[in-house]
Amino acid sequence: MRSEELRDLALKALDDMKGIDIVTMDVRSLTSITDYMIVCTGRSTRHVKALADSVAVKAKEMNASHVRTEGERESEWVLVDLGDVVVHIMTSASRSFYSLEDLWEPVKELREHKTGL
């Protein structure tokens, strides 16, 4: 399954389960770890877990070869690793505290400055 298909599958699963403030970051030019990172907020720890479960189930149904999850126990921040797509699902407090989108922005700006883009 191509990374764009995995990204779209994850986005649909999050949208279907009413994920909040879904952000997709194309990080192919920034890291070799993954192609896309998706960040989403859940209303509560139960909602975070349900969102993560939905993404994992849909990926498995589509025979995605790599599906792993971390953080379900506390469900403040659950990571769903689909290989080429990594989905971070967080409570509002965790998302504000860790601010993943802001962590990647300086890297992007540095790379653009070095390459003259």
Protein backbone atom coordinates (compact mmCIF):
# COMPACT_ATOMS: atom_id res chain seq x y z
CA MET A 1 0.00 0.00 0.00
CA ARG A 2 1.43 3.38 -1.01
CA SER A 3 2.04 6.05 1.59
CA GLU A 4 -0.61 8.34 0.08
CA GLU A 5 -3.20 5.54 0.36
CA LEU A 6 -2.24 4.93 3.99
CA ARG A 7 -2.44 8.66 4.70
CA ASP A 8 -5.90 8.90 3.14
CA LEU A 9 -7.08 5.78 4.99
CA ALA A 10 -5.93 7.23 8.33
CA LEU A 11 -7.49 10.62 7.60
CA LYS A 12 -10.84 9.04 6.70
CA ALA A 13 -10.82 6.88 9.86
CA LEU A 14 -10.07 9.94 12.02
CA ASP A 15 -12.72 12.04 10.28
CA ASP A 16 -15.32 9.26 10.56
CA MET A 17 -14.71 9.10 14.33
CA LYS A 18 -14.93 12.91 14.67
CA GLY A 19 -11.24 13.61 15.31
CA ILE A 20 -10.55 17.27 16.07
CA ASP A 21 -8.05 19.61 14.35
CA ILE A 22 -6.49 16.98 12.07
CA VAL A 23 -3.16 18.14 10.63
CA THR A 24 -1.13 16.29 8.00
CA MET A 25 2.57 16.97 7.58
CA ASP A 26 4.55 15.75 4.57
CA VAL A 27 7.93 15.05 6.15
CA ARG A 28 9.59 13.18 3.26
CA SER A 29 12.12 15.96 2.74
CA LEU A 30 12.83 16.20 6.49
CA THR A 31 13.33 12.59 7.61
CA SER A 32 13.71 9.06 6.30
CA ILE A 33 11.69 7.64 9.21
CA THR A 34 8.27 8.19 7.62
CA ASP A 35 6.59 10.00 4.73
CA TYR A 36 3.64 11.57 6.54
CA MET A 37 2.82 12.51 10.10
CA ILE A 38 -0.74 13.11 11.12
CA VAL A 39 -1.66 14.85 14.37
CA CYS A 40 -5.20 14.74 15.74
CA THR A 41 -6.92 15.69 18.97
CA GLY A 42 -9.51 13.61 20.81
CA ARG A 43 -12.11 14.98 23.24
CA SER A 44 -11.10 12.58 26.03
CA THR A 45 -8.79 9.63 26.67
CA ARG A 46 -11.62 7.30 25.61
CA HIS A 47 -12.03 9.22 22.37
CA VAL A 48 -8.25 9.16 21.77
CA LYS A 49 -8.23 5.37 22.19
CA ALA A 50 -11.28 4.95 19.94
CA LEU A 51 -9.66 7.09 17.23
CA ALA A 52 -6.45 5.04 17.40
CA ASP A 53 -8.37 1.76 17.34
CA SER A 54 -10.30 2.91 14.29
CA VAL A 55 -7.12 3.79 12.36
CA ALA A 56 -5.48 0.48 13.28
CA VAL A 57 -8.55 -1.62 12.41
CA LYS A 58 -9.06 0.11 9.04
CA ALA A 59 -5.37 -0.33 8.19
CA LYS A 60 -5.48 -4.02 9.07
CA GLU A 61 -8.67 -4.47 7.02
CA MET A 62 -6.80 -3.04 4.03
CA ASN A 63 -3.93 -5.47 4.66
CA ALA A 64 -1.41 -2.80 5.64
CA SER A 65 1.81 -4.66 6.29
CA HIS A 66 2.93 -2.65 9.32
CA VAL A 67 0.50 -1.60 12.05
CA ARG A 68 1.72 -0.92 15.58
CA THR A 69 0.29 1.18 18.39
CA GLU A 70 1.81 2.67 21.52
CA GLY A 71 0.29 4.51 24.46
CA GLU A 72 -3.16 2.92 24.64
CA ARG A 73 -2.93 2.31 28.37
CA GLU A 74 -3.06 5.96 29.43
CA SER A 75 -4.46 7.21 26.11
CA GLU A 76 -3.20 10.76 26.63
CA TRP A 77 -1.11 10.29 23.48
CA VAL A 78 -1.51 7.24 21.27
CA LEU A 79 0.83 6.70 18.36
CA VAL A 80 -0.31 4.54 15.47
CA ASP A 81 2.67 3.53 13.34
CA LEU A 82 1.71 2.47 9.83
CA GLY A 83 5.28 2.57 8.55
CA ASP A 84 5.11 5.30 5.92
CA VAL A 85 2.51 7.15 7.98
CA VAL A 86 2.71 7.89 11.70
CA VAL A 87 -0.47 9.06 13.41
CA HIS A 88 -0.29 10.95 16.72
CA ILE A 89 -3.64 11.11 18.52
CA MET A 90 -3.63 13.23 21.67
CA THR A 91 -5.79 14.86 24.26
CA SER A 92 -5.96 18.63 23.97
CA ALA A 93 -3.65 19.11 26.99
CA SER A 94 -1.01 16.73 25.58
CA ARG A 95 -1.16 18.30 22.16
CA SER A 96 -0.69 21.78 23.59
CA PHE A 97 2.16 20.64 25.82
CA TYR A 98 4.15 18.70 23.18
CA SER A 99 3.26 20.92 20.22
CA LEU A 100 4.50 18.47 17.57
CA GLU A 101 3.69 20.75 14.66
CA ASP A 102 5.94 23.45 16.15
CA LEU A 103 8.74 20.92 16.71
CA TRP A 104 8.88 20.13 12.98
CA GLU A 105 8.62 23.72 11.74
CA PRO A 106 12.21 24.76 12.72
CA VAL A 107 13.57 21.65 10.96
CA LYS A 108 11.64 22.54 7.83
CA GLU A 109 12.86 26.15 7.92
CA LEU A 110 16.47 25.03 8.44
CA ARG A 111 16.33 22.59 5.52
CA GLU A 112 14.77 25.23 3.25
CA HIS A 113 17.46 27.74 4.25
CA LYS A 114 20.30 25.27 3.55
CA THR A 115 18.91 24.24 0.16
CA GLY A 116 17.85 27.76 -0.80
CA LEU A 117 14.22 26.82 -1.43
